[in-house]
Amino acid sequence: MTLNYTPKTIGKQTADLKVGDVVLESWQHPARIVRLQYGSGRIHVYCRYIWQASREPWWKLGDYHPTARLEVAKKGEY
């Protein structure tokens, strides 16, 4: 299996993210969202790198305001 480390991306508001979206944690580090937690006016985003197995632990990408924009892989990239 070939992994795409540099997918084409679009900016997306954090409030519009969903589980399964692939975001760029940093250059050549795409991560799939596995959990979104809402509270106190913030959205907590939890991910796994695309090369991690489902049995490996997920990690917290960060806490974001709902209007913050993240780079998300375009449809069809994964």
Protein backbone atom coordinates (compact mmCIF):
# COMPACT_ATOMS: atom_id res chain seq x y z
CA MET A 1 0.00 0.00 0.00
CA THR A 2 1.33 3.42 -0.95
CA LEU A 3 0.73 6.25 1.50
CA ASN A 4 0.16 9.80 0.31
CA TYR A 5 2.10 12.06 2.66
CA THR A 6 1.30 15.28 0.78
CA PRO A 7 -2.41 15.27 -0.07
CA LYS A 8 -4.14 18.19 -1.74
CA THR A 9 -5.92 20.14 0.98
CA ILE A 10 -8.64 22.68 1.59
CA GLY A 11 -9.27 24.87 4.62
CA LYS A 12 -12.21 23.74 6.73
CA GLN A 13 -13.69 25.22 9.89
CA THR A 14 -13.26 23.06 12.96
CA ALA A 15 -17.05 23.05 13.50
CA ASP A 16 -17.44 21.32 10.10
CA LEU A 17 -14.95 18.50 10.79
CA LYS A 18 -16.15 14.93 11.16
CA VAL A 19 -14.65 11.64 12.27
CA GLY A 20 -12.77 10.14 9.34
CA ASP A 21 -11.51 13.44 7.91
CA VAL A 22 -7.76 13.58 7.30
CA VAL A 23 -6.01 16.71 8.59
CA LEU A 24 -2.38 17.75 8.29
CA GLU A 25 -0.75 17.76 11.71
CA SER A 26 2.37 19.19 10.05
CA TRP A 27 4.14 18.91 6.69
CA GLN A 28 4.00 15.27 5.53
CA HIS A 29 2.15 14.15 8.67
CA PRO A 30 -1.48 13.46 7.68
CA ALA A 31 -3.67 12.25 10.53
CA ARG A 32 -7.18 10.77 10.50
CA ILE A 33 -9.66 12.18 13.01
CA VAL A 34 -10.90 9.40 15.31
CA ARG A 35 -12.75 11.47 17.92
CA LEU A 36 -14.25 14.93 18.31
CA GLN A 37 -15.26 16.19 21.73
CA TYR A 38 -17.30 19.36 22.17
CA GLY A 39 -17.34 21.49 25.29
CA SER A 40 -16.80 24.95 26.77
CA GLY A 41 -16.86 26.64 23.38
CA ARG A 42 -13.94 24.53 22.13
CA ILE A 43 -13.60 21.42 19.98
CA HIS A 44 -11.05 18.82 21.07
CA VAL A 45 -9.65 16.88 18.09
CA TYR A 46 -8.11 13.41 18.52
CA CYS A 47 -6.25 11.62 15.71
CA ARG A 48 -4.05 8.78 14.53
CA TYR A 49 -1.45 9.12 11.79
CA ILE A 50 -2.55 7.42 8.59
CA TRP A 51 0.17 4.79 9.02
CA GLN A 52 -0.91 3.83 12.57
CA ALA A 53 -2.91 0.67 13.17
CA SER A 54 -6.38 0.92 14.72
CA ARG A 55 -5.15 -0.82 17.88
CA GLU A 56 -2.56 1.93 18.50
CA PRO A 57 -3.57 4.74 20.84
CA TRP A 58 -4.95 7.97 19.45
CA TRP A 59 -3.52 11.31 20.52
CA LYS A 60 -4.84 14.84 20.96
CA LEU A 61 -4.19 17.12 18.01
CA GLY A 62 -5.47 20.14 19.91
CA ASP A 63 -8.30 22.30 21.22
CA TYR A 64 -9.81 24.68 18.67
CA HIS A 65 -12.39 27.42 18.51
CA PRO A 66 -15.26 26.29 16.21
CA THR A 67 -14.32 28.95 13.61
CA ALA A 68 -10.62 27.97 13.49
CA ARG A 69 -9.56 26.58 10.11
CA LEU A 70 -7.55 23.39 9.64
CA GLU A 71 -6.07 21.96 6.44
CA VAL A 72 -8.13 18.90 5.47
CA ALA A 73 -7.36 16.46 2.65
CA LYS A 74 -9.62 16.95 -0.36
CA LYS A 75 -12.21 14.31 -1.16
CA GLY A 76 -10.66 11.38 -3.02
CA GLU A 77 -7.14 11.81 -1.58
CA TYR A 78 -7.71 8.89 0.85
